Amino acid sequence: MSATRYTYLGPEGTFTEAALRTLPEAATRELVPMVSVPATLDAVRSGEAAAALVPIENSVEGGVTTTVDELAKGEPLMIYREVVLPIAFALLVRPGTKLKDIKTVTGHPVAQPQVRNWLGAHLPDALWESAASNADGARLVQEGRFDAAFAGEFAAVTYGLEPLVTEIHDAANAATRFVLVGRPARPAAPTGADKTSLVIWLGHDHPGALLELLQEFAVRGVNLMRIESRPTGQGIGNYCFSVDAEGHITDRRVGEALMGLKRICPKVRFLGSYPRAGVASEDVRPLRPGTTDEEFMAASDWLARCQDGRF
């Protein structure tokens, strides 16, 4: 395994590369662009890379389904940290291109909902066609296959383009969340501001099946930050759930919730416990009474005394 190689969703000039370069360790790693999310993650599975950075969630479009699905299948991987990057697009064109010259535009499919209103107002007749990534769209413009691409302004230099318009976004404060993924290992120690990610498969469908799953978190005071259903590929009506929960697997409330899920679900995939991006422990809201580690331990001690006849 190459311990110094990190892969990311390429080509060069993607928001994923920009997010990766915010990590301090990126300065000492070989950063290798890959053509797709599956290829990016498979490089870690095969040992060609120590870690991979991929997008997983957008504040406008929601989950990046390719990443969510890839983490749910195949050889297990683990999330070690997350990066949240503010997103604003630039309209990149070949030098000399004017707005009135643009008939075709491209960008990543997740970009389109973030610029749809701007596109309708300024280029209502332009034909949109999706690209594998925003940077790949810039490359296609460079090759003359499209007139313009929505990408990060920083990609202009890489592809010899000009930013005709900058700071394009339909939603203020738009951001994308990326995760650094590696092979499974012991999670880092809790920080007090952590997140635990899982994929959970339901058993046979019956009334209240999802409620039973959610109750494992609710009765232990574990807050869910995201839950998303995804098809399993085993027929209509068969779903698994991608979940982000507040807390660390070593927290008693989280650990017991996972044990409860393991009892009632045919399959649970642990994707990691890791620090929440941009959140300090003092910013985390207080736990609900009865859900601290100390209270769980006190209840466990009480049960042991009862079992020994020491009321």
C-alpha atoms as a PDB file:
ATOM      1  CA  MET A   1       0.000   0.000   0.000  1.00  0.00           C
ATOM      2  CA  SER A   2       1.205   3.507  -0.779  1.00  0.00           C
ATOM      3  CA  ALA A   3       1.018   5.339   2.544  1.00  0.00           C
ATOM      4  CA  THR A   4       1.705   8.694   0.898  1.00  0.00           C
ATOM      5  CA  ARG A   5      -0.856   8.568  -1.919  1.00  0.00           C
ATOM      6  CA  TYR A   6      -4.329  10.083  -1.635  1.00  0.00           C
ATOM      7  CA  THR A   7      -6.843   9.809  -4.454  1.00  0.00           C
ATOM      8  CA  TYR A   8      -9.679  12.218  -5.163  1.00  0.00           C
ATOM      9  CA  LEU A   9     -12.493  12.687  -7.650  1.00  0.00           C
ATOM     10  CA  GLY A  10     -10.771  14.346 -10.592  1.00  0.00           C
ATOM     11  CA  PRO A  11      -9.601  15.580 -12.921  1.00  0.00           C
ATOM     12  CA  GLU A  12      -7.452  18.417 -11.600  1.00  0.00           C
ATOM     13  CA  GLY A  13      -9.412  21.525 -10.699  1.00  0.00           C
ATOM     14  CA  THR A  14     -12.437  19.925  -9.005  1.00  0.00           C
ATOM     15  CA  PHE A  15     -13.997  21.171  -5.798  1.00  0.00           C
ATOM     16  CA  THR A  16     -12.918  17.816  -4.358  1.00  0.00           C
ATOM     17  CA  GLU A  17      -9.281  18.686  -5.004  1.00  0.00           C
ATOM     18  CA  ALA A  18      -9.821  22.103  -3.421  1.00  0.00           C
ATOM     19  CA  ALA A  19     -11.354  20.423  -0.347  1.00  0.00           C
ATOM     20  CA  LEU A  20      -8.502  17.913  -0.129  1.00  0.00           C
ATOM     21  CA  ARG A  21      -5.908  20.686  -0.188  1.00  0.00           C
ATOM     22  CA  THR A  22      -7.469  22.198   2.944  1.00  0.00           C
ATOM     23  CA  LEU A  23      -6.184  19.194   4.931  1.00  0.00           C
ATOM     24  CA  PRO A  24      -2.746  19.815   6.485  1.00  0.00           C
ATOM     25  CA  GLU A  25      -1.473  16.356   5.487  1.00  0.00           C
ATOM     26  CA  ALA A  26      -2.238  17.032   1.805  1.00  0.00           C
ATOM     27  CA  ALA A  27       0.980  19.037   1.577  1.00  0.00           C
ATOM     28  CA  THR A  28       3.012  15.871   2.157  1.00  0.00           C
ATOM     29  CA  ARG A  29       0.948  13.431   0.094  1.00  0.00           C
ATOM     30  CA  GLU A  30       0.898  12.495  -3.573  1.00  0.00           C
ATOM     31  CA  LEU A  31      -2.554  13.629  -4.740  1.00  0.00           C
ATOM     32  CA  VAL A  32      -3.874  11.515  -7.607  1.00  0.00           C
ATOM     33  CA  PRO A  33      -7.048  12.430  -9.535  1.00  0.00           C
ATOM     34  CA  MET A  34      -9.381   9.593 -10.532  1.00  0.00           C
ATOM     35  CA  VAL A  35     -12.097   9.462 -13.170  1.00  0.00           C
ATOM     36  CA  SER A  36     -15.014   8.505 -10.898  1.00  0.00           C
ATOM     37  CA  VAL A  37     -16.071   7.988  -7.290  1.00  0.00           C
ATOM     38  CA  PRO A  38     -15.918   4.155  -7.643  1.00  0.00           C
ATOM     39  CA  ALA A  39     -12.394   4.349  -9.081  1.00  0.00           C
ATOM     40  CA  THR A  40     -11.356   6.749  -6.301  1.00  0.00           C
ATOM     41  CA  LEU A  41     -12.551   4.366  -3.577  1.00  0.00           C
ATOM     42  CA  ASP A  42     -11.365   1.202  -5.310  1.00  0.00           C
ATOM     43  CA  ALA A  43      -7.820   2.563  -5.248  1.00  0.00           C
ATOM     44  CA  VAL A  44      -8.024   2.422  -1.450  1.00  0.00           C
ATOM     45  CA  ARG A  45      -9.556  -1.053  -1.467  1.00  0.00           C
ATOM     46  CA  SER A  46      -6.774  -2.356  -3.713  1.00  0.00           C
ATOM     47  CA  GLY A  47      -4.000  -0.739  -1.669  1.00  0.00           C
ATOM     48  CA  GLU A  48      -2.961   1.693  -4.408  1.00  0.00           C
ATOM     49  CA  ALA A  49      -3.786   4.591  -2.082  1.00  0.00           C
ATOM     50  CA  ALA A  50      -3.923   5.124   1.667  1.00  0.00           C
ATOM     51  CA  ALA A  51      -7.020   7.309   1.561  1.00  0.00           C
ATOM     52  CA  ALA A  52      -9.506   8.942  -0.788  1.00  0.00           C
ATOM     53  CA  LEU A  53     -11.537  12.143  -0.626  1.00  0.00           C
ATOM     54  CA  VAL A  54     -15.003  12.050  -2.200  1.00  0.00           C
ATOM     55  CA  PRO A  55     -18.117  14.261  -2.036  1.00  0.00           C
ATOM     56  CA  ILE A  56     -20.989  12.799  -0.028  1.00  0.00           C
ATOM     57  CA  GLU A  57     -23.533  15.561   0.607  1.00  0.00           C
ATOM     58  CA  ASN A  58     -24.554  18.918  -0.827  1.00  0.00           C
ATOM     59  CA  SER A  59     -26.601  21.494   1.048  1.00  0.00           C
ATOM     60  CA  VAL A  60     -28.804  22.099  -2.008  1.00  0.00           C
ATOM     61  CA  GLU A  61     -29.031  18.743  -3.777  1.00  0.00           C
ATOM     62  CA  GLY A  62     -28.686  16.405  -0.783  1.00  0.00           C
ATOM     63  CA  GLY A  63     -26.721  13.176  -0.781  1.00  0.00           C
ATOM     64  CA  VAL A  64     -24.222  12.348  -3.512  1.00  0.00           C
ATOM     65  CA  THR A  65     -25.821   9.011  -4.307  1.00  0.00           C
ATOM     66  CA  THR A  66     -22.807   7.492  -6.062  1.00  0.00           C
ATOM     67  CA  THR A  67     -20.691   7.905  -2.930  1.00  0.00           C
ATOM     68  CA  VAL A  68     -23.465   6.789  -0.579  1.00  0.00           C
ATOM     69  CA  ASP A  69     -24.036   3.639  -2.638  1.00  0.00           C
ATOM     70  CA  GLU A  70     -20.342   2.822  -3.072  1.00  0.00           C
ATOM     71  CA  LEU A  71     -19.751   2.984   0.686  1.00  0.00           C
ATOM     72  CA  ALA A  72     -22.683   0.613   1.237  1.00  0.00           C
ATOM     73  CA  LYS A  73     -21.334  -2.157  -0.961  1.00  0.00           C
ATOM     74  CA  GLY A  74     -18.082  -3.947  -1.705  1.00  0.00           C
ATOM     75  CA  GLU A  75     -15.168  -4.339   0.665  1.00  0.00           C
ATOM     76  CA  PRO A  76     -15.797  -2.189   3.762  1.00  0.00           C
ATOM     77  CA  LEU A  77     -14.167   1.221   4.049  1.00  0.00           C
ATOM     78  CA  MET A  78     -14.146   3.726   6.906  1.00  0.00           C
ATOM     79  CA  ILE A  79     -14.582   7.487   7.121  1.00  0.00           C
ATOM     80  CA  TYR A  80     -11.808   9.209   9.096  1.00  0.00           C
ATOM     81  CA  ARG A  81     -12.735  12.864   8.752  1.00  0.00           C
ATOM     82  CA  GLU A  82     -14.948  15.281   6.871  1.00  0.00           C
ATOM     83  CA  VAL A  83     -14.428  18.586   5.083  1.00  0.00           C
ATOM     84  CA  VAL A  84     -17.173  21.142   4.419  1.00  0.00           C
ATOM     85  CA  LEU A  85     -16.364  23.494   1.554  1.00  0.00           C
ATOM     86  CA  PRO A  86     -18.415  26.592   0.606  1.00  0.00           C
ATOM     87  CA  ILE A  87     -19.434  26.311  -3.041  1.00  0.00           C
ATOM     88  CA  ALA A  88     -19.745  29.096  -5.603  1.00  0.00           C
ATOM     89  CA  PHE A  89     -19.454  28.548  -9.343  1.00  0.00           C
ATOM     90  CA  ALA A  90     -17.786  30.493 -12.109  1.00  0.00           C
ATOM     91  CA  LEU A  91     -18.871  30.358 -15.738  1.00  0.00           C
ATOM     92  CA  LEU A  92     -15.663  29.348 -17.496  1.00  0.00           C
ATOM     93  CA  VAL A  93     -15.217  30.052 -21.217  1.00  0.00           C
ATOM     94  CA  ARG A  94     -12.507  30.101 -23.855  1.00  0.00           C
ATOM     95  CA  PRO A  95     -10.824  33.516 -24.133  1.00  0.00           C
ATOM     96  CA  GLY A  96     -12.905  35.939 -26.153  1.00  0.00           C
ATOM     97  CA  THR A  97     -16.255  34.225 -25.591  1.00  0.00           C
ATOM     98  CA  LYS A  98     -19.137  36.552 -24.725  1.00  0.00           C
ATOM     99  CA  LEU A  99     -22.342  35.664 -22.895  1.00  0.00           C
ATOM    100  CA  LYS A 100     -24.320  36.008 -26.142  1.00  0.00           C
ATOM    101  CA  ASP A 101     -22.052  33.405 -27.787  1.00  0.00           C
ATOM    102  CA  ILE A 102     -22.925  30.638 -25.329  1.00  0.00           C
ATOM    103  CA  LYS A 103     -25.251  27.990 -26.756  1.00  0.00           C
ATOM    104  CA  THR A 104     -24.100  24.930 -24.776  1.00  0.00           C
ATOM    105  CA  VAL A 105     -23.068  24.579 -21.126  1.00  0.00           C
ATOM    106  CA  THR A 106     -21.873  21.711 -18.968  1.00  0.00           C
ATOM    107  CA  GLY A 107     -21.012  20.782 -15.390  1.00  0.00           C
ATOM    108  CA  HIS A 108     -21.462  18.016 -12.833  1.00  0.00           C
ATOM    109  CA  PRO A 109     -25.107  16.899 -12.373  1.00  0.00           C
ATOM    110  CA  VAL A 110     -25.033  18.114  -8.754  1.00  0.00           C
ATOM    111  CA  ALA A 111     -24.067  21.596  -9.994  1.00  0.00           C
ATOM    112  CA  GLN A 112     -27.169  22.080 -12.146  1.00  0.00           C
ATOM    113  CA  PRO A 113     -29.695  22.532  -9.297  1.00  0.00           C
ATOM    114  CA  GLN A 114     -27.336  25.057  -7.704  1.00  0.00           C
ATOM    115  CA  VAL A 115     -27.236  27.324 -10.778  1.00  0.00           C
ATOM    116  CA  ARG A 116     -30.622  26.568 -12.374  1.00  0.00           C
ATOM    117  CA  ASN A 117     -32.184  29.955 -11.611  1.00  0.00           C
ATOM    118  CA  TRP A 118     -29.108  31.862 -12.790  1.00  0.00           C
ATOM    119  CA  LEU A 119     -29.028  29.794 -15.956  1.00  0.00           C
ATOM    120  CA  GLY A 120     -32.709  30.433 -16.624  1.00  0.00           C
ATOM    121  CA  ALA A 121     -32.273  34.184 -16.120  1.00  0.00           C
ATOM    122  CA  HIS A 122     -29.082  34.703 -18.142  1.00  0.00           C
ATOM    123  CA  LEU A 123     -28.844  31.777 -20.581  1.00  0.00           C
ATOM    124  CA  PRO A 124     -32.434  30.554 -20.985  1.00  0.00           C
ATOM    125  CA  ASP A 125     -31.806  28.993 -24.416  1.00  0.00           C
ATOM    126  CA  ALA A 126     -28.490  27.304 -23.613  1.00  0.00           C
ATOM    127  CA  LEU A 127     -28.451  23.512 -23.816  1.00  0.00           C
ATOM    128  CA  TRP A 128     -27.166  21.762 -20.658  1.00  0.00           C
ATOM    129  CA  GLU A 129     -25.326  18.450 -20.784  1.00  0.00           C
ATOM    130  CA  SER A 130     -23.791  16.851 -17.702  1.00  0.00           C
ATOM    131  CA  ALA A 131     -20.090  16.059 -17.308  1.00  0.00           C
ATOM    132  CA  ALA A 132     -18.338  13.554 -15.048  1.00  0.00           C
ATOM    133  CA  SER A 133     -17.178  16.442 -12.833  1.00  0.00           C
ATOM    134  CA  ASN A 134     -17.105  20.227 -12.949  1.00  0.00           C
ATOM    135  CA  ALA A 135     -13.411  20.164 -13.845  1.00  0.00           C
ATOM    136  CA  ASP A 136     -14.098  17.637 -16.585  1.00  0.00           C
ATOM    137  CA  GLY A 137     -16.655  20.101 -17.930  1.00  0.00           C
ATOM    138  CA  ALA A 138     -13.917  22.739 -18.020  1.00  0.00           C
ATOM    139  CA  ARG A 139     -11.721  20.328 -19.958  1.00  0.00           C
ATOM    140  CA  LEU A 140     -14.533  19.766 -22.470  1.00  0.00           C
ATOM    141  CA  VAL A 141     -14.820  23.518 -22.966  1.00  0.00           C
ATOM    142  CA  GLN A 142     -11.073  23.708 -23.507  1.00  0.00           C
ATOM    143  CA  GLU A 143     -11.442  21.047 -26.224  1.00  0.00           C
ATOM    144  CA  GLY A 144     -14.231  23.037 -27.892  1.00  0.00           C
ATOM    145  CA  ARG A 145     -17.009  20.549 -27.182  1.00  0.00           C
ATOM    146  CA  PHE A 146     -19.032  23.065 -25.125  1.00  0.00           C
ATOM    147  CA  ASP A 147     -19.152  26.834 -24.988  1.00  0.00           C
ATOM    148  CA  ALA A 148     -19.054  27.173 -21.196  1.00  0.00           C
ATOM    149  CA  ALA A 149     -18.766  25.175 -17.995  1.00  0.00           C
ATOM    150  CA  PHE A 150     -19.851  25.767 -14.403  1.00  0.00           C
ATOM    151  CA  ALA A 151     -16.827  24.998 -12.225  1.00  0.00           C
ATOM    152  CA  GLY A 152     -14.674  26.481  -9.505  1.00  0.00           C
ATOM    153  CA  GLU A 153     -12.978  29.700 -10.542  1.00  0.00           C
ATOM    154  CA  PHE A 154      -9.634  28.093  -9.615  1.00  0.00           C
ATOM    155  CA  ALA A 155     -10.040  25.621 -12.512  1.00  0.00           C
ATOM    156  CA  ALA A 156      -9.705  28.391 -15.112  1.00  0.00           C
ATOM    157  CA  VAL A 157      -5.899  28.482 -15.011  1.00  0.00           C
ATOM    158  CA  THR A 158      -5.577  24.698 -15.264  1.00  0.00           C
ATOM    159  CA  TYR A 159      -7.628  24.560 -18.461  1.00  0.00           C
ATOM    160  CA  GLY A 160      -6.641  27.845 -20.092  1.00  0.00           C
ATOM    161  CA  LEU A 161     -10.092  29.358 -19.669  1.00  0.00           C
ATOM    162  CA  GLU A 162     -11.473  32.661 -18.433  1.00  0.00           C
ATOM    163  CA  PRO A 163     -14.086  33.186 -15.690  1.00  0.00           C
ATOM    164  CA  LEU A 164     -16.756  35.150 -17.554  1.00  0.00           C
ATOM    165  CA  VAL A 165     -18.988  35.377 -14.452  1.00  0.00           C
ATOM    166  CA  THR A 166     -18.042  34.487 -10.861  1.00  0.00           C
ATOM    167  CA  GLU A 167     -19.827  33.862  -7.558  1.00  0.00           C
ATOM    168  CA  ILE A 168     -22.775  32.074  -9.164  1.00  0.00           C
ATOM    169  CA  HIS A 169     -25.110  30.250  -6.780  1.00  0.00           C
ATOM    170  CA  ASP A 170     -28.876  30.154  -6.452  1.00  0.00           C
ATOM    171  CA  ALA A 171     -28.715  29.424  -2.707  1.00  0.00           C
ATOM    172  CA  ALA A 172     -26.666  31.552  -0.345  1.00  0.00           C
ATOM    173  CA  ASN A 173     -24.214  29.671   1.875  1.00  0.00           C
ATOM    174  CA  ALA A 174     -24.235  26.604  -0.363  1.00  0.00           C
ATOM    175  CA  ALA A 175     -21.687  24.010   0.727  1.00  0.00           C
ATOM    176  CA  THR A 176     -20.577  20.487  -0.084  1.00  0.00           C
ATOM    177  CA  ARG A 177     -19.453  17.931   2.461  1.00  0.00           C
ATOM    178  CA  PHE A 178     -16.558  15.631   1.575  1.00  0.00           C
ATOM    179  CA  VAL A 179     -15.265  12.586   3.468  1.00  0.00           C
ATOM    180  CA  LEU A 180     -11.756  11.180   3.749  1.00  0.00           C
ATOM    181  CA  VAL A 181     -12.043   7.407   3.456  1.00  0.00           C
ATOM    182  CA  GLY A 182      -9.513   4.692   4.252  1.00  0.00           C
ATOM    183  CA  ARG A 183      -9.363   1.022   5.149  1.00  0.00           C
ATOM    184  CA  PRO A 184     -11.030  -0.046   8.421  1.00  0.00           C
ATOM    185  CA  ALA A 185      -9.067   0.487  11.627  1.00  0.00           C
ATOM    186  CA  ARG A 186      -9.669   1.583  15.197  1.00  0.00           C
ATOM    187  CA  PRO A 187     -11.519   4.930  15.173  1.00  0.00           C
ATOM    188  CA  ALA A 188      -9.692   7.954  16.520  1.00  0.00           C
ATOM    189  CA  ALA A 189     -10.402   8.924  20.109  1.00  0.00           C
ATOM    190  CA  PRO A 190     -13.595  10.930  20.669  1.00  0.00           C
ATOM    191  CA  THR A 191     -13.316  14.706  20.594  1.00  0.00           C
ATOM    192  CA  GLY A 192     -16.670  15.609  22.134  1.00  0.00           C
ATOM    193  CA  ALA A 193     -17.913  16.855  18.754  1.00  0.00           C
ATOM    194  CA  ASP A 194     -18.136  13.685  16.694  1.00  0.00           C
ATOM    195  CA  LYS A 195     -20.294  12.034  14.087  1.00  0.00           C
ATOM    196  CA  THR A 196     -20.951   8.328  13.478  1.00  0.00           C
ATOM    197  CA  SER A 197     -21.957   7.078  10.026  1.00  0.00           C
ATOM    198  CA  LEU A 198     -23.762   3.810   9.294  1.00  0.00           C
ATOM    199  CA  VAL A 199     -25.611   1.919   6.614  1.00  0.00           C
ATOM    200  CA  ILE A 200     -28.570  -0.047   7.956  1.00  0.00           C
ATOM    201  CA  TRP A 201     -30.587  -2.708   6.168  1.00  0.00           C
ATOM    202  CA  LEU A 202     -34.167  -3.408   7.240  1.00  0.00           C
ATOM    203  CA  GLY A 203     -35.435  -6.953   7.574  1.00  0.00           C
ATOM    204  CA  HIS A 204     -38.718  -8.030   6.048  1.00  0.00           C
ATOM    205  CA  ASP A 205     -41.059  -5.142   5.378  1.00  0.00           C
ATOM    206  CA  HIS A 206     -43.806  -4.693   7.978  1.00  0.00           C
ATOM    207  CA  PRO A 207     -45.720  -1.819   9.594  1.00  0.00           C
ATOM    208  CA  GLY A 208     -43.441   0.113  11.912  1.00  0.00           C
ATOM    209  CA  ALA A 209     -40.160  -1.348  10.552  1.00  0.00           C
ATOM    210  CA  LEU A 210     -38.555   2.061  10.104  1.00  0.00           C
ATOM    211  CA  LEU A 211     -39.952   3.259  13.430  1.00  0.00           C
ATOM    212  CA  GLU A 212     -38.279   0.312  15.180  1.00  0.00           C
ATOM    213  CA  LEU A 213     -34.960   1.353  13.654  1.00  0.00           C
ATOM    214  CA  LEU A 214     -35.369   4.993  14.689  1.00  0.00           C
ATOM    215  CA  GLN A 215     -36.387   4.068  18.217  1.00  0.00           C
ATOM    216  CA  GLU A 216     -32.997   2.455  18.816  1.00  0.00           C
ATOM    217  CA  PHE A 217     -31.545   5.956  18.530  1.00  0.00           C
ATOM    218  CA  ALA A 218     -34.395   7.904  20.117  1.00  0.00           C
ATOM    219  CA  VAL A 219     -34.681   5.975  23.383  1.00  0.00           C
ATOM    220  CA  ARG A 220     -30.947   6.471  23.995  1.00  0.00           C
ATOM    221  CA  GLY A 221     -30.950  10.181  23.189  1.00  0.00           C
ATOM    222  CA  VAL A 222     -28.908   9.878  19.980  1.00  0.00           C
ATOM    223  CA  ASN A 223     -29.689  12.660  17.526  1.00  0.00           C
ATOM    224  CA  LEU A 224     -29.770  11.796  13.827  1.00  0.00           C
ATOM    225  CA  MET A 225     -28.159  14.432  11.609  1.00  0.00           C
ATOM    226  CA  ARG A 226     -29.050  12.731   8.301  1.00  0.00           C
ATOM    227  CA  ILE A 227     -31.035   9.707   7.177  1.00  0.00           C
ATOM    228  CA  GLU A 228     -31.419   8.759   3.537  1.00  0.00           C
ATOM    229  CA  SER A 229     -33.060   5.721   1.978  1.00  0.00           C
ATOM    230  CA  ARG A 230     -31.302   4.009  -0.910  1.00  0.00           C
ATOM    231  CA  PRO A 231     -32.399   1.044  -3.040  1.00  0.00           C
ATOM    232  CA  THR A 232     -30.480  -2.168  -2.401  1.00  0.00           C
ATOM    233  CA  GLY A 233     -30.707  -3.316  -6.021  1.00  0.00           C
ATOM    234  CA  GLN A 234     -32.704  -6.376  -4.950  1.00  0.00           C
ATOM    235  CA  GLY A 235     -36.040  -5.244  -6.306  1.00  0.00           C
ATOM    236  CA  ILE A 236     -38.641  -2.505  -5.842  1.00  0.00           C
ATOM    237  CA  GLY A 237     -39.342  -1.828  -2.186  1.00  0.00           C
ATOM    238  CA  ASN A 238     -35.997  -3.093  -0.850  1.00  0.00           C
ATOM    239  CA  TYR A 239     -34.082  -0.283   0.814  1.00  0.00           C
ATOM    240  CA  CYS A 240     -31.198   0.386   3.112  1.00  0.00           C
ATOM    241  CA  PHE A 241     -30.646   3.590   5.085  1.00  0.00           C
ATOM    242  CA  SER A 242     -27.564   5.776   5.159  1.00  0.00           C
ATOM    243  CA  VAL A 243     -27.390   7.468   8.563  1.00  0.00           C
ATOM    244  CA  ASP A 244     -25.255  10.105  10.285  1.00  0.00           C
ATOM    245  CA  ALA A 245     -25.694  10.263  14.058  1.00  0.00           C
ATOM    246  CA  GLU A 246     -24.268  12.648  16.635  1.00  0.00           C
ATOM    247  CA  GLY A 247     -21.659  11.091  18.873  1.00  0.00           C
ATOM    248  CA  HIS A 248     -18.844   8.541  18.830  1.00  0.00           C
ATOM    249  CA  ILE A 249     -19.047   4.758  18.838  1.00  0.00           C
ATOM    250  CA  THR A 250     -17.290   4.725  22.225  1.00  0.00           C
ATOM    251  CA  ASP A 251     -20.085   6.849  23.738  1.00  0.00           C
ATOM    252  CA  ARG A 252     -22.331   4.485  25.682  1.00  0.00           C
ATOM    253  CA  ARG A 253     -25.532   5.833  24.138  1.00  0.00           C
ATOM    254  CA  VAL A 254     -24.169   5.398  20.594  1.00  0.00           C
ATOM    255  CA  GLY A 255     -22.628   1.984  21.237  1.00  0.00           C
ATOM    256  CA  GLU A 256     -25.835   0.641  22.761  1.00  0.00           C
ATOM    257  CA  ALA A 257     -27.880   2.031  19.853  1.00  0.00           C
ATOM    258  CA  LEU A 258     -25.617   0.168  17.430  1.00  0.00           C
ATOM    259  CA  MET A 259     -26.008  -3.027  19.443  1.00  0.00           C
ATOM    260  CA  GLY A 260     -29.772  -2.585  19.323  1.00  0.00           C
ATOM    261  CA  LEU A 261     -29.686  -2.150  15.561  1.00  0.00           C
ATOM    262  CA  LYS A 262     -27.512  -5.226  15.170  1.00  0.00           C
ATOM    263  CA  ARG A 263     -30.122  -7.268  17.055  1.00  0.00           C
ATOM    264  CA  ILE A 264     -33.074  -6.250  14.873  1.00  0.00           C
ATOM    265  CA  CYS A 265     -31.503  -5.614  11.462  1.00  0.00           C
ATOM    266  CA  PRO A 266     -30.090  -8.252   9.099  1.00  0.00           C
ATOM    267  CA  LYS A 267     -27.062  -6.079   8.342  1.00  0.00           C
ATOM    268  CA  VAL A 268     -25.428  -2.969   9.790  1.00  0.00           C
ATOM    269  CA  ARG A 269     -22.286  -1.456   8.266  1.00  0.00           C
ATOM    270  CA  PHE A 270     -20.248   0.828  10.504  1.00  0.00           C
ATOM    271  CA  LEU A 271     -18.634   3.575   8.398  1.00  0.00           C
ATOM    272  CA  GLY A 272     -16.709   5.321  11.125  1.00  0.00           C
ATOM    273  CA  SER A 273     -16.774   7.807  13.997  1.00  0.00           C
ATOM    274  CA  TYR A 274     -14.909  11.029  13.253  1.00  0.00           C
ATOM    275  CA  PRO A 275     -14.747  14.735  14.194  1.00  0.00           C
ATOM    276  CA  ARG A 276     -17.482  17.008  12.880  1.00  0.00           C
ATOM    277  CA  ALA A 277     -16.073  19.660  10.551  1.00  0.00           C
ATOM    278  CA  GLY A 278     -15.949  23.140  12.010  1.00  0.00           C
ATOM    279  CA  VAL A 279     -17.588  22.176  15.321  1.00  0.00           C
ATOM    280  CA  ALA A 280     -15.810  22.397  18.682  1.00  0.00           C
ATOM    281  CA  SER A 281     -16.875  20.357  21.706  1.00  0.00           C
ATOM    282  CA  GLU A 282     -18.052  23.495  23.522  1.00  0.00           C
ATOM    283  CA  ASP A 283     -20.439  24.195  20.628  1.00  0.00           C
ATOM    284  CA  VAL A 284     -22.242  20.859  21.013  1.00  0.00           C
ATOM    285  CA  ARG A 285     -25.580  21.138  22.765  1.00  0.00           C
ATOM    286  CA  PRO A 286     -25.863  19.417  26.156  1.00  0.00           C
ATOM    287  CA  LEU A 287     -27.019  15.805  26.195  1.00  0.00           C
ATOM    288  CA  ARG A 288     -30.536  14.971  27.226  1.00  0.00           C
ATOM    289  CA  PRO A 289     -30.783  13.947  30.907  1.00  0.00           C
ATOM    290  CA  GLY A 290     -30.229  10.235  31.326  1.00  0.00           C
ATOM    291  CA  THR A 291     -28.008   9.770  28.263  1.00  0.00           C
ATOM    292  CA  THR A 292     -24.493  10.583  29.484  1.00  0.00           C
ATOM    293  CA  ASP A 293     -21.870   7.843  29.827  1.00  0.00           C
ATOM    294  CA  GLU A 294     -21.945   8.294  33.582  1.00  0.00           C
ATOM    295  CA  GLU A 295     -25.699   7.736  33.731  1.00  0.00           C
ATOM    296  CA  PHE A 296     -25.454   4.646  31.523  1.00  0.00           C
ATOM    297  CA  MET A 297     -22.703   3.265  33.786  1.00  0.00           C
ATOM    298  CA  ALA A 298     -24.728   4.010  36.922  1.00  0.00           C
ATOM    299  CA  ALA A 299     -27.711   2.160  35.469  1.00  0.00           C
ATOM    300  CA  SER A 300     -25.478  -0.793  34.554  1.00  0.00           C
ATOM    301  CA  ASP A 301     -24.043  -0.892  38.080  1.00  0.00           C
ATOM    302  CA  TRP A 302     -27.549  -0.786  39.557  1.00  0.00           C
ATOM    303  CA  LEU A 303     -28.615  -3.743  37.390  1.00  0.00           C
ATOM    304  CA  ALA A 304     -25.552  -5.724  38.495  1.00  0.00           C
ATOM    305  CA  ARG A 305     -26.392  -5.074  42.143  1.00  0.00           C
ATOM    306  CA  CYS A 306     -29.965  -6.199  41.576  1.00  0.00           C
ATOM    307  CA  GLN A 307     -28.767  -9.398  39.927  1.00  0.00           C
ATOM    308  CA  ASP A 308     -26.485 -10.061  42.935  1.00  0.00           C
ATOM    309  CA  GLY A 309     -29.251  -9.329  45.401  1.00  0.00           C
ATOM    310  CA  ARG A 310     -27.551  -6.129  46.565  1.00  0.00           C
ATOM    311  CA  PHE A 311     -30.478  -3.729  46.249  1.00  0.00           C
END
